[in-house]
Amino acid sequence: MRVRAFRDDEADRWDTLCAAAYGATFLHTRRYLSYHGNRFADRSLVVEDGARWLGVLPLALDPSNPGLVVSHPGLTYGGMLHDGALRGEAMVQALRLATVELRTQGCTRLRYKAVPHIYALAPAQDDLYALFRLEAARVRSDLSSCIDLAHRLPASERRRRALRKAHEAGLTIEQGREQLARFWPVLEENLVRAHGLKPVHGLAEIETLADRFPRQLRCLVATHEARVVAGLVLYVSPRVVHAQYIAAGEQGQALHAPDLLFQHAIDEAQALGARYFDFGVSTVEQGRVLNEGLHRFKSEFGAGGVVYEHYEVSL
């Protein structure tokens, strides 16, 4: 076994492995990662045995700290991806060799964003055991809210009541790539008003991703009298439908538009055969502060807790 740097001309082979990997989603493909352009200095690695690829590890340098390499700074989660070839001691050896390769490149720390277990097609947490063997420290833990669609907890009376009010208000749901341009001003205004922030993706970027991944990226909007009052962007993977963006204007909140959107999205996730519907994290400040109101709102749909964990290894 050896670990080496990924080459740009190997993108197709990388994506082929991702298609078969237990925990990979379309976020891990080079088609997705390449939309970042030159925003990040790529340090991705390939694990191989002779001509056979055993796994891949998406990596790039942290723009604010060149000594820190992250899996991946442009992704919510990264991690070592494989199709069953890296189990037990093989995973320990692969990650140990990865740290050696990164050290030779001048990196001093590895930030490893583990893939949450809900995304895996089969149990695949050998990397967490390998991180323990490498004396990694857990440096961040974000709490997400997730519905197990096969064993859904009951929704609260408050959410059921809000859904009835949304229907009574005459809200309608529209879906399609063309809804992104209608939704983005609502999202941008909401983020500025609530947090003084901008979306991670600009409209042109999210439209590019929607063109590249028409089945995996979906946009729903709730309209009232032909006006968009709330919207939701979903990332669809084989096991999980994930709410990437949700926003509602003041009118949308008053009409309970998020309840209608989420219920529609949950129903769609079940129709697609997904196992989980993930609302996303409710934590800020590197996971150390929980937005209790937001977390409660998501939990009332019948969701439980799933953690997104980050580890660091000294190189």
C-alpha atoms as a PDB file:
ATOM      1  CA  MET A   1       0.000   0.000   0.000  1.00  0.00           C
ATOM      2  CA  ARG A   2       1.141   3.539  -0.722  1.00  0.00           C
ATOM      3  CA  VAL A   3      -0.373   7.023  -0.527  1.00  0.00           C
ATOM      4  CA  ARG A   4       0.364   9.705  -3.103  1.00  0.00           C
ATOM      5  CA  ALA A   5      -0.966  13.030  -4.344  1.00  0.00           C
ATOM      6  CA  PHE A   6      -3.996  13.029  -6.638  1.00  0.00           C
ATOM      7  CA  ARG A   7      -3.447  14.298 -10.199  1.00  0.00           C
ATOM      8  CA  ASP A   8      -5.987  16.409 -12.067  1.00  0.00           C
ATOM      9  CA  ASP A   9      -6.049  14.014 -15.029  1.00  0.00           C
ATOM     10  CA  GLU A  10      -7.378  11.263 -12.723  1.00  0.00           C
ATOM     11  CA  ALA A  11     -10.734  12.969 -12.082  1.00  0.00           C
ATOM     12  CA  ASP A  12     -12.790  10.323 -13.912  1.00  0.00           C
ATOM     13  CA  ARG A  13     -11.164   7.505 -11.965  1.00  0.00           C
ATOM     14  CA  TRP A  14     -11.756   9.388  -8.699  1.00  0.00           C
ATOM     15  CA  ASP A  15     -15.450   9.801  -9.501  1.00  0.00           C
ATOM     16  CA  THR A  16     -15.767   6.131 -10.447  1.00  0.00           C
ATOM     17  CA  LEU A  17     -14.454   5.117  -7.027  1.00  0.00           C
ATOM     18  CA  CYS A  18     -16.799   7.598  -5.325  1.00  0.00           C
ATOM     19  CA  ALA A  19     -19.763   6.019  -7.127  1.00  0.00           C
ATOM     20  CA  ALA A  20     -18.958   2.704  -5.406  1.00  0.00           C
ATOM     21  CA  ALA A  21     -17.699   4.025  -2.053  1.00  0.00           C
ATOM     22  CA  TYR A  22     -19.718   3.302   1.096  1.00  0.00           C
ATOM     23  CA  GLY A  23     -19.845   6.839   2.442  1.00  0.00           C
ATOM     24  CA  ALA A  24     -19.371   9.020  -0.621  1.00  0.00           C
ATOM     25  CA  THR A  25     -21.956  11.443  -1.971  1.00  0.00           C
ATOM     26  CA  PHE A  26     -21.903  13.694  -5.030  1.00  0.00           C
ATOM     27  CA  LEU A  27     -20.174  16.304  -2.835  1.00  0.00           C
ATOM     28  CA  HIS A  28     -17.009  14.177  -2.911  1.00  0.00           C
ATOM     29  CA  THR A  29     -16.774  13.958  -6.696  1.00  0.00           C
ATOM     30  CA  ARG A  30     -14.289  16.020  -8.653  1.00  0.00           C
ATOM     31  CA  ARG A  31     -17.258  17.401 -10.628  1.00  0.00           C
ATOM     32  CA  TYR A  32     -18.473  19.009  -7.393  1.00  0.00           C
ATOM     33  CA  LEU A  33     -15.093  19.912  -5.920  1.00  0.00           C
ATOM     34  CA  SER A  34     -13.958  21.533  -9.168  1.00  0.00           C
ATOM     35  CA  TYR A  35     -16.626  24.237  -8.979  1.00  0.00           C
ATOM     36  CA  HIS A  36     -14.455  25.861  -6.286  1.00  0.00           C
ATOM     37  CA  GLY A  37     -11.916  26.644  -9.001  1.00  0.00           C
ATOM     38  CA  ASN A  38      -8.726  28.075  -7.501  1.00  0.00           C
ATOM     39  CA  ARG A  39     -10.346  29.041  -4.197  1.00  0.00           C
ATOM     40  CA  PHE A  40      -8.499  26.218  -2.426  1.00  0.00           C
ATOM     41  CA  ALA A  41      -5.033  24.698  -2.888  1.00  0.00           C
ATOM     42  CA  ASP A  42      -5.831  21.023  -3.439  1.00  0.00           C
ATOM     43  CA  ARG A  43      -3.898  18.384  -1.507  1.00  0.00           C
ATOM     44  CA  SER A  44      -6.139  15.367  -2.188  1.00  0.00           C
ATOM     45  CA  LEU A  45      -4.607  11.918  -1.791  1.00  0.00           C
ATOM     46  CA  VAL A  46      -4.986   8.506  -3.419  1.00  0.00           C
ATOM     47  CA  VAL A  47      -4.438   5.225  -1.564  1.00  0.00           C
ATOM     48  CA  GLU A  48      -3.346   2.445  -3.911  1.00  0.00           C
ATOM     49  CA  ASP A  49      -1.940  -1.060  -4.033  1.00  0.00           C
ATOM     50  CA  GLY A  50      -0.121  -1.451  -7.314  1.00  0.00           C
ATOM     51  CA  ALA A  51      -2.558  -0.365 -10.025  1.00  0.00           C
ATOM     52  CA  ARG A  52      -5.606  -0.751  -7.785  1.00  0.00           C
ATOM     53  CA  TRP A  53      -7.084   2.255  -6.013  1.00  0.00           C
ATOM     54  CA  LEU A  54      -8.086   1.404  -2.445  1.00  0.00           C
ATOM     55  CA  GLY A  55      -9.406   4.811  -1.420  1.00  0.00           C
ATOM     56  CA  VAL A  56      -9.299   8.561  -1.874  1.00  0.00           C
ATOM     57  CA  LEU A  57      -9.140  11.433   0.597  1.00  0.00           C
ATOM     58  CA  PRO A  58     -10.371  14.882  -0.533  1.00  0.00           C
ATOM     59  CA  LEU A  59      -8.112  17.546   0.969  1.00  0.00           C
ATOM     60  CA  ALA A  60      -7.151  21.189   0.555  1.00  0.00           C
ATOM     61  CA  LEU A  61      -5.182  23.760   2.510  1.00  0.00           C
ATOM     62  CA  ASP A  62      -7.060  26.034   4.888  1.00  0.00           C
ATOM     63  CA  PRO A  63      -6.936  29.464   3.177  1.00  0.00           C
ATOM     64  CA  SER A  64      -6.271  31.216   6.493  1.00  0.00           C
ATOM     65  CA  ASN A  65      -3.666  28.732   7.756  1.00  0.00           C
ATOM     66  CA  PRO A  66      -1.364  27.171   5.112  1.00  0.00           C
ATOM     67  CA  GLY A  67      -0.024  24.643   7.605  1.00  0.00           C
ATOM     68  CA  LEU A  68      -3.497  23.182   8.153  1.00  0.00           C
ATOM     69  CA  VAL A  69      -4.880  20.718   5.612  1.00  0.00           C
ATOM     70  CA  VAL A  70      -8.608  19.963   5.781  1.00  0.00           C
ATOM     71  CA  SER A  71     -10.858  17.229   4.436  1.00  0.00           C
ATOM     72  CA  HIS A  72     -12.250  19.441   2.823  1.00  0.00           C
ATOM     73  CA  PRO A  73     -12.525  23.214   3.575  1.00  0.00           C
ATOM     74  CA  GLY A  74     -15.228  23.520   0.905  1.00  0.00           C
ATOM     75  CA  LEU A  75     -17.317  20.605   2.249  1.00  0.00           C
ATOM     76  CA  THR A  76     -19.432  19.979   5.318  1.00  0.00           C
ATOM     77  CA  TYR A  77     -17.832  16.552   5.632  1.00  0.00           C
ATOM     78  CA  GLY A  78     -14.952  14.774   3.885  1.00  0.00           C
ATOM     79  CA  GLY A  79     -13.158  11.696   5.130  1.00  0.00           C
ATOM     80  CA  MET A  80     -11.451   8.675   3.600  1.00  0.00           C
ATOM     81  CA  LEU A  81     -13.668   7.142   0.897  1.00  0.00           C
ATOM     82  CA  HIS A  82     -13.447   3.474  -0.107  1.00  0.00           C
ATOM     83  CA  ASP A  83     -15.564   0.579  -1.344  1.00  0.00           C
ATOM     84  CA  GLY A  84     -14.653  -1.873   1.428  1.00  0.00           C
ATOM     85  CA  ALA A  85     -10.928  -2.109   0.742  1.00  0.00           C
ATOM     86  CA  LEU A  86      -9.916  -0.117   3.831  1.00  0.00           C
ATOM     87  CA  ARG A  87     -11.209  -1.989   6.849  1.00  0.00           C
ATOM     88  CA  GLY A  88      -9.539  -2.426  10.222  1.00  0.00           C
ATOM     89  CA  GLU A  89      -5.760  -2.282  10.103  1.00  0.00           C
ATOM     90  CA  ALA A  90      -5.823  -1.338   6.426  1.00  0.00           C
ATOM     91  CA  MET A  91      -7.552   1.933   7.339  1.00  0.00           C
ATOM     92  CA  VAL A  92      -5.072   2.547  10.153  1.00  0.00           C
ATOM     93  CA  GLN A  93      -2.189   2.033   7.726  1.00  0.00           C
ATOM     94  CA  ALA A  94      -3.808   4.221   5.049  1.00  0.00           C
ATOM     95  CA  LEU A  95      -4.337   7.177   7.383  1.00  0.00           C
ATOM     96  CA  ARG A  96      -0.876   6.779   8.875  1.00  0.00           C
ATOM     97  CA  LEU A  97       0.671   6.857   5.396  1.00  0.00           C
ATOM     98  CA  ALA A  98      -1.506   9.875   4.573  1.00  0.00           C
ATOM     99  CA  THR A  99      -0.045  11.782   7.523  1.00  0.00           C
ATOM    100  CA  VAL A 100       3.475  10.923   6.355  1.00  0.00           C
ATOM    101  CA  GLU A 101       2.722  12.180   2.833  1.00  0.00           C
ATOM    102  CA  LEU A 102       1.175  15.399   4.128  1.00  0.00           C
ATOM    103  CA  ARG A 103       4.146  16.000   6.410  1.00  0.00           C
ATOM    104  CA  THR A 104       6.513  15.736   3.438  1.00  0.00           C
ATOM    105  CA  GLN A 105       4.383  18.422   1.747  1.00  0.00           C
ATOM    106  CA  GLY A 106       5.047  20.780   4.654  1.00  0.00           C
ATOM    107  CA  CYS A 107       1.678  20.499   6.411  1.00  0.00           C
ATOM    108  CA  THR A 108       1.677  20.589  10.209  1.00  0.00           C
ATOM    109  CA  ARG A 109      -1.924  19.580  11.090  1.00  0.00           C
ATOM    110  CA  LEU A 110      -4.699  17.532   9.499  1.00  0.00           C
ATOM    111  CA  ARG A 111      -8.337  18.515  10.159  1.00  0.00           C
ATOM    112  CA  TYR A 112     -10.472  15.463   9.400  1.00  0.00           C
ATOM    113  CA  LYS A 113     -14.214  15.991   8.858  1.00  0.00           C
ATOM    114  CA  ALA A 114     -15.715  12.551   9.334  1.00  0.00           C
ATOM    115  CA  VAL A 115     -18.656  11.532   7.152  1.00  0.00           C
ATOM    116  CA  PRO A 116     -21.702  11.157   9.464  1.00  0.00           C
ATOM    117  CA  HIS A 117     -22.848   7.539   9.684  1.00  0.00           C
ATOM    118  CA  ILE A 118     -26.240   8.285   8.104  1.00  0.00           C
ATOM    119  CA  TYR A 119     -24.618   8.741   4.672  1.00  0.00           C
ATOM    120  CA  ALA A 120     -22.916   5.341   4.575  1.00  0.00           C
ATOM    121  CA  LEU A 121     -24.401   2.547   2.453  1.00  0.00           C
ATOM    122  CA  ALA A 122     -22.832   0.091   4.913  1.00  0.00           C
ATOM    123  CA  PRO A 123     -21.204   0.592   8.347  1.00  0.00           C
ATOM    124  CA  ALA A 124     -17.906   2.348   7.630  1.00  0.00           C
ATOM    125  CA  GLN A 125     -16.461   3.979  10.748  1.00  0.00           C
ATOM    126  CA  ASP A 126     -13.080   2.282  10.580  1.00  0.00           C
ATOM    127  CA  ASP A 127     -11.612   5.736  10.044  1.00  0.00           C
ATOM    128  CA  LEU A 128     -12.770   6.847  13.502  1.00  0.00           C
ATOM    129  CA  TYR A 129     -10.938   3.907  15.029  1.00  0.00           C
ATOM    130  CA  ALA A 130      -7.853   4.749  12.960  1.00  0.00           C
ATOM    131  CA  LEU A 131      -7.984   8.357  14.192  1.00  0.00           C
ATOM    132  CA  PHE A 132      -7.970   7.057  17.766  1.00  0.00           C
ATOM    133  CA  ARG A 133      -4.888   5.007  16.953  1.00  0.00           C
ATOM    134  CA  LEU A 134      -3.251   8.136  15.528  1.00  0.00           C
ATOM    135  CA  GLU A 135      -4.069  10.011  18.761  1.00  0.00           C
ATOM    136  CA  ALA A 136      -6.339  12.473  16.989  1.00  0.00           C
ATOM    137  CA  ALA A 137      -8.235  14.999  19.106  1.00  0.00           C
ATOM    138  CA  ARG A 138     -11.914  15.758  18.558  1.00  0.00           C
ATOM    139  CA  VAL A 139     -11.956  19.523  18.071  1.00  0.00           C
ATOM    140  CA  ARG A 140     -15.506  20.169  16.919  1.00  0.00           C
ATOM    141  CA  SER A 141     -18.917  18.519  17.151  1.00  0.00           C
ATOM    142  CA  ASP A 142     -21.993  19.968  15.439  1.00  0.00           C
ATOM    143  CA  LEU A 143     -25.490  18.731  16.272  1.00  0.00           C
ATOM    144  CA  SER A 144     -27.882  18.097  13.405  1.00  0.00           C
ATOM    145  CA  SER A 145     -31.531  17.018  13.463  1.00  0.00           C
ATOM    146  CA  CYS A 146     -32.391  13.958  11.410  1.00  0.00           C
ATOM    147  CA  ILE A 147     -35.513  11.917  10.730  1.00  0.00           C
ATOM    148  CA  ASP A 148     -35.143   8.162  10.344  1.00  0.00           C
ATOM    149  CA  LEU A 149     -37.793   7.713   7.660  1.00  0.00           C
ATOM    150  CA  ALA A 150     -38.139   4.011   8.479  1.00  0.00           C
ATOM    151  CA  HIS A 151     -38.790   4.712  12.166  1.00  0.00           C
ATOM    152  CA  ARG A 152     -40.040   8.285  12.321  1.00  0.00           C
ATOM    153  CA  LEU A 153     -40.845   9.794  15.682  1.00  0.00           C
ATOM    154  CA  PRO A 154     -44.262  11.508  15.855  1.00  0.00           C
ATOM    155  CA  ALA A 155     -44.429  15.188  14.911  1.00  0.00           C
ATOM    156  CA  SER A 156     -45.493  17.551  17.688  1.00  0.00           C
ATOM    157  CA  GLU A 157     -48.982  19.023  17.864  1.00  0.00           C
ATOM    158  CA  ARG A 158     -47.450  22.462  17.271  1.00  0.00           C
ATOM    159  CA  ARG A 159     -45.977  21.349  13.927  1.00  0.00           C
ATOM    160  CA  ARG A 160     -49.204  19.641  12.879  1.00  0.00           C
ATOM    161  CA  ARG A 161     -51.153  22.788  13.729  1.00  0.00           C
ATOM    162  CA  ALA A 162     -48.720  24.979  11.797  1.00  0.00           C
ATOM    163  CA  LEU A 163     -49.000  22.711   8.763  1.00  0.00           C
ATOM    164  CA  ARG A 164     -52.787  23.017   8.812  1.00  0.00           C
ATOM    165  CA  LYS A 165     -52.491  26.813   8.929  1.00  0.00           C
ATOM    166  CA  ALA A 166     -50.090  26.799   5.972  1.00  0.00           C
ATOM    167  CA  HIS A 167     -52.616  24.831   3.922  1.00  0.00           C
ATOM    168  CA  GLU A 168     -55.446  27.145   5.013  1.00  0.00           C
ATOM    169  CA  ALA A 169     -53.401  30.174   3.916  1.00  0.00           C
ATOM    170  CA  GLY A 170     -53.443  28.869   0.358  1.00  0.00           C
ATOM    171  CA  LEU A 171     -49.693  28.413  -0.018  1.00  0.00           C
ATOM    172  CA  THR A 172     -48.506  26.423  -3.000  1.00  0.00           C
ATOM    173  CA  ILE A 173     -45.260  24.546  -3.646  1.00  0.00           C
ATOM    174  CA  GLU A 174     -43.291  24.982  -6.873  1.00  0.00           C
ATOM    175  CA  GLN A 175     -40.136  23.090  -7.736  1.00  0.00           C
ATOM    176  CA  GLY A 176     -37.352  23.255 -10.322  1.00  0.00           C
ATOM    177  CA  ARG A 177     -34.017  24.807 -11.210  1.00  0.00           C
ATOM    178  CA  GLU A 178     -35.749  28.017 -12.301  1.00  0.00           C
ATOM    179  CA  GLN A 179     -36.911  28.556  -8.711  1.00  0.00           C
ATOM    180  CA  LEU A 180     -33.343  29.232  -7.553  1.00  0.00           C
ATOM    181  CA  ALA A 181     -33.389  32.755  -9.013  1.00  0.00           C
ATOM    182  CA  ARG A 182     -36.721  33.456  -7.274  1.00  0.00           C
ATOM    183  CA  PHE A 183     -35.557  32.039  -3.937  1.00  0.00           C
ATOM    184  CA  TRP A 184     -32.049  33.523  -3.696  1.00  0.00           C
ATOM    185  CA  PRO A 185     -33.120  37.120  -2.871  1.00  0.00           C
ATOM    186  CA  VAL A 186     -35.256  35.740  -0.016  1.00  0.00           C
ATOM    187  CA  LEU A 187     -32.306  33.700   1.267  1.00  0.00           C
ATOM    188  CA  GLU A 188     -29.851  36.585   1.022  1.00  0.00           C
ATOM    189  CA  GLU A 189     -32.196  39.021   2.760  1.00  0.00           C
ATOM    190  CA  ASN A 190     -32.911  36.509   5.514  1.00  0.00           C
ATOM    191  CA  LEU A 191     -29.221  35.797   6.200  1.00  0.00           C
ATOM    192  CA  VAL A 192     -28.302  39.484   6.273  1.00  0.00           C
ATOM    193  CA  ARG A 193     -31.202  40.324   8.585  1.00  0.00           C
ATOM    194  CA  ALA A 194     -30.641  37.431  10.991  1.00  0.00           C
ATOM    195  CA  HIS A 195     -26.858  36.972  10.952  1.00  0.00           C
ATOM    196  CA  GLY A 196     -25.241  39.658   8.804  1.00  0.00           C
ATOM    197  CA  LEU A 197     -23.990  36.930   6.454  1.00  0.00           C
ATOM    198  CA  LYS A 198     -24.147  35.912   2.813  1.00  0.00           C
ATOM    199  CA  PRO A 199     -24.929  32.405   1.513  1.00  0.00           C
ATOM    200  CA  VAL A 200     -21.882  30.192   1.000  1.00  0.00           C
ATOM    201  CA  HIS A 201     -22.950  29.853  -2.644  1.00  0.00           C
ATOM    202  CA  GLY A 202     -23.812  32.797  -4.857  1.00  0.00           C
ATOM    203  CA  LEU A 203     -26.711  32.415  -7.264  1.00  0.00           C
ATOM    204  CA  ALA A 204     -24.428  31.748 -10.245  1.00  0.00           C
ATOM    205  CA  GLU A 205     -22.570  29.055  -8.281  1.00  0.00           C
ATOM    206  CA  ILE A 206     -25.688  27.252  -7.105  1.00  0.00           C
ATOM    207  CA  GLU A 207     -27.132  27.357 -10.625  1.00  0.00           C
ATOM    208  CA  THR A 208     -23.890  25.859 -11.956  1.00  0.00           C
ATOM    209  CA  LEU A 209     -24.145  23.054  -9.413  1.00  0.00           C
ATOM    210  CA  ALA A 210     -27.810  22.498 -10.290  1.00  0.00           C
ATOM    211  CA  ASP A 211     -26.808  22.133 -13.949  1.00  0.00           C
ATOM    212  CA  ARG A 212     -24.057  19.658 -13.059  1.00  0.00           C
ATOM    213  CA  PHE A 213     -26.232  17.677 -10.652  1.00  0.00           C
ATOM    214  CA  PRO A 214     -29.871  18.024 -11.753  1.00  0.00           C
ATOM    215  CA  ARG A 215     -31.007  14.938  -9.815  1.00  0.00           C
ATOM    216  CA  GLN A 216     -29.017  15.645  -6.656  1.00  0.00           C
ATOM    217  CA  LEU A 217     -29.762  19.357  -6.182  1.00  0.00           C
ATOM    218  CA  ARG A 218     -33.405  20.443  -5.917  1.00  0.00           C
ATOM    219  CA  CYS A 219     -35.084  23.726  -5.109  1.00  0.00           C
ATOM    220  CA  LEU A 220     -38.592  24.107  -3.685  1.00  0.00           C
ATOM    221  CA  VAL A 221     -40.376  27.383  -3.020  1.00  0.00           C
ATOM    222  CA  ALA A 222     -43.586  28.251  -1.219  1.00  0.00           C
ATOM    223  CA  THR A 223     -45.611  30.956  -2.932  1.00  0.00           C
ATOM    224  CA  HIS A 224     -48.489  33.133  -1.804  1.00  0.00           C
ATOM    225  CA  GLU A 225     -50.404  34.994  -4.491  1.00  0.00           C
ATOM    226  CA  ALA A 226     -47.604  34.149  -6.963  1.00  0.00           C
ATOM    227  CA  ARG A 227     -44.924  35.640  -4.694  1.00  0.00           C
ATOM    228  CA  VAL A 228     -42.114  33.504  -3.217  1.00  0.00           C
ATOM    229  CA  VAL A 229     -42.279  33.742   0.579  1.00  0.00           C
ATOM    230  CA  ALA A 230     -39.939  30.875   1.482  1.00  0.00           C
ATOM    231  CA  GLY A 231     -37.655  28.335  -0.143  1.00  0.00           C
ATOM    232  CA  LEU A 232     -35.620  25.211   0.434  1.00  0.00           C
ATOM    233  CA  VAL A 233     -32.612  23.734  -1.378  1.00  0.00           C
ATOM    234  CA  LEU A 234     -32.151  19.986  -0.995  1.00  0.00           C
ATOM    235  CA  TYR A 235     -29.019  17.895  -1.554  1.00  0.00           C
ATOM    236  CA  VAL A 236     -30.059  14.352  -2.496  1.00  0.00           C
ATOM    237  CA  SER A 237     -27.775  11.356  -1.918  1.00  0.00           C
ATOM    238  CA  PRO A 238     -28.661   7.633  -1.950  1.00  0.00           C
ATOM    239  CA  ARG A 239     -29.325   7.442   1.799  1.00  0.00           C
ATOM    240  CA  VAL A 240     -29.982  11.038   2.820  1.00  0.00           C
ATOM    241  CA  VAL A 241     -31.978  14.027   1.640  1.00  0.00           C
ATOM    242  CA  HIS A 242     -30.321  17.022   3.282  1.00  0.00           C
ATOM    243  CA  ALA A 243     -31.719  20.543   3.704  1.00  0.00           C
ATOM    244  CA  GLN A 244     -28.797  22.656   2.491  1.00  0.00           C
ATOM    245  CA  TYR A 245     -30.606  26.021   2.591  1.00  0.00           C
ATOM    246  CA  ILE A 246     -33.917  27.096   4.153  1.00  0.00           C
ATOM    247  CA  ALA A 247     -35.193  30.652   4.394  1.00  0.00           C
ATOM    248  CA  ALA A 248     -38.497  32.462   4.814  1.00  0.00           C
ATOM    249  CA  GLY A 249     -39.350  36.130   4.739  1.00  0.00           C
ATOM    250  CA  GLU A 250     -41.498  37.710   7.430  1.00  0.00           C
ATOM    251  CA  GLN A 251     -44.688  36.884   5.515  1.00  0.00           C
ATOM    252  CA  GLY A 252     -43.505  33.328   4.969  1.00  0.00           C
ATOM    253  CA  GLN A 253     -42.882  32.880   8.679  1.00  0.00           C
ATOM    254  CA  ALA A 254     -46.318  34.290   9.531  1.00  0.00           C
ATOM    255  CA  LEU A 255     -47.956  31.864   7.064  1.00  0.00           C
ATOM    256  CA  HIS A 256     -45.929  28.878   8.361  1.00  0.00           C
ATOM    257  CA  ALA A 257     -44.337  28.317   4.961  1.00  0.00           C
ATOM    258  CA  PRO A 258     -41.307  26.393   6.376  1.00  0.00           C
ATOM    259  CA  ASP A 259     -43.650  23.745   7.801  1.00  0.00           C
ATOM    260  CA  LEU A 260     -45.239  23.182   4.409  1.00  0.00           C
ATOM    261  CA  LEU A 261     -41.862  23.072   2.657  1.00  0.00           C
ATOM    262  CA  PHE A 262     -40.364  20.607   5.095  1.00  0.00           C
ATOM    263  CA  GLN A 263     -43.379  18.313   5.016  1.00  0.00           C
ATOM    264  CA  HIS A 264     -43.269  18.308   1.211  1.00  0.00           C
ATOM    265  CA  ALA A 265     -39.514  17.608   1.285  1.00  0.00           C
ATOM    266  CA  ILE A 266     -39.915  14.777   3.815  1.00  0.00           C
ATOM    267  CA  ASP A 267     -42.637  13.176   1.687  1.00  0.00           C
ATOM    268  CA  GLU A 268     -40.400  13.504  -1.374  1.00  0.00           C
ATOM    269  CA  ALA A 269     -37.456  11.910   0.470  1.00  0.00           C
ATOM    270  CA  GLN A 270     -39.623   8.904   1.283  1.00  0.00           C
ATOM    271  CA  ALA A 271     -40.790   8.668  -2.329  1.00  0.00           C
ATOM    272  CA  LEU A 272     -37.150   8.681  -3.476  1.00  0.00           C
ATOM    273  CA  GLY A 273     -36.360   5.749  -1.181  1.00  0.00           C
ATOM    274  CA  ALA A 274     -34.035   7.666   1.141  1.00  0.00           C
ATOM    275  CA  ARG A 275     -33.496   6.369   4.669  1.00  0.00           C
ATOM    276  CA  TYR A 276     -32.965   9.751   6.352  1.00  0.00           C
ATOM    277  CA  PHE A 277     -34.072  13.355   6.078  1.00  0.00           C
ATOM    278  CA  ASP A 278     -31.412  15.621   7.570  1.00  0.00           C
ATOM    279  CA  PHE A 279     -32.361  19.185   8.579  1.00  0.00           C
ATOM    280  CA  GLY A 280     -28.749  20.273   9.062  1.00  0.00           C
ATOM    281  CA  VAL A 281     -26.906  21.535  12.121  1.00  0.00           C
ATOM    282  CA  SER A 282     -28.203  24.011  14.700  1.00  0.00           C
ATOM    283  CA  THR A 283     -24.828  24.856  16.205  1.00  0.00           C
ATOM    284  CA  VAL A 284     -22.526  27.863  15.809  1.00  0.00           C
ATOM    285  CA  GLU A 285     -19.125  28.962  17.104  1.00  0.00           C
ATOM    286  CA  GLN A 286     -17.364  25.721  16.143  1.00  0.00           C
ATOM    287  CA  GLY A 287     -20.178  23.656  17.647  1.00  0.00           C
ATOM    288  CA  ARG A 288     -19.884  25.144  21.135  1.00  0.00           C
ATOM    289  CA  VAL A 289     -23.213  27.013  21.051  1.00  0.00           C
ATOM    290  CA  LEU A 290     -26.547  25.355  20.274  1.00  0.00           C
ATOM    291  CA  ASN A 291     -29.424  27.411  18.863  1.00  0.00           C
ATOM    292  CA  GLU A 292     -31.957  25.740  21.132  1.00  0.00           C
ATOM    293  CA  GLY A 293     -35.008  27.301  19.457  1.00  0.00           C
ATOM    294  CA  LEU A 294     -33.942  26.162  15.992  1.00  0.00           C
ATOM    295  CA  HIS A 295     -33.025  22.713  17.274  1.00  0.00           C
ATOM    296  CA  ARG A 296     -36.424  22.366  18.968  1.00  0.00           C
ATOM    297  CA  PHE A 297     -38.234  23.444  15.794  1.00  0.00           C
ATOM    298  CA  LYS A 298     -36.489  20.725  13.763  1.00  0.00           C
ATOM    299  CA  SER A 299     -36.940  18.090  16.458  1.00  0.00           C
ATOM    300  CA  GLU A 300     -40.694  18.667  16.484  1.00  0.00           C
ATOM    301  CA  PHE A 301     -40.954  17.165  12.993  1.00  0.00           C
ATOM    302  CA  GLY A 302     -39.948  13.817  14.501  1.00  0.00           C
ATOM    303  CA  ALA A 303     -36.181  14.207  14.277  1.00  0.00           C
ATOM    304  CA  GLY A 304     -33.381  12.958  16.516  1.00  0.00           C
ATOM    305  CA  GLY A 305     -29.763  14.035  16.912  1.00  0.00           C
ATOM    306  CA  VAL A 306     -26.835  13.227  14.611  1.00  0.00           C
ATOM    307  CA  VAL A 307     -23.367  14.686  15.102  1.00  0.00           C
ATOM    308  CA  TYR A 308     -20.960  16.021  12.487  1.00  0.00           C
ATOM    309  CA  GLU A 309     -17.503  15.587  13.997  1.00  0.00           C
ATOM    310  CA  HIS A 310     -14.098  17.117  13.263  1.00  0.00           C
ATOM    311  CA  TYR A 311     -10.789  15.655  14.406  1.00  0.00           C
ATOM    312  CA  GLU A 312      -7.240  16.962  14.263  1.00  0.00           C
ATOM    313  CA  VAL A 313      -3.999  15.063  13.933  1.00  0.00           C
ATOM    314  CA  SER A 314      -0.628  16.660  14.553  1.00  0.00           C
ATOM    315  CA  LEU A 315       1.741  15.969  11.684  1.00  0.00           C
END
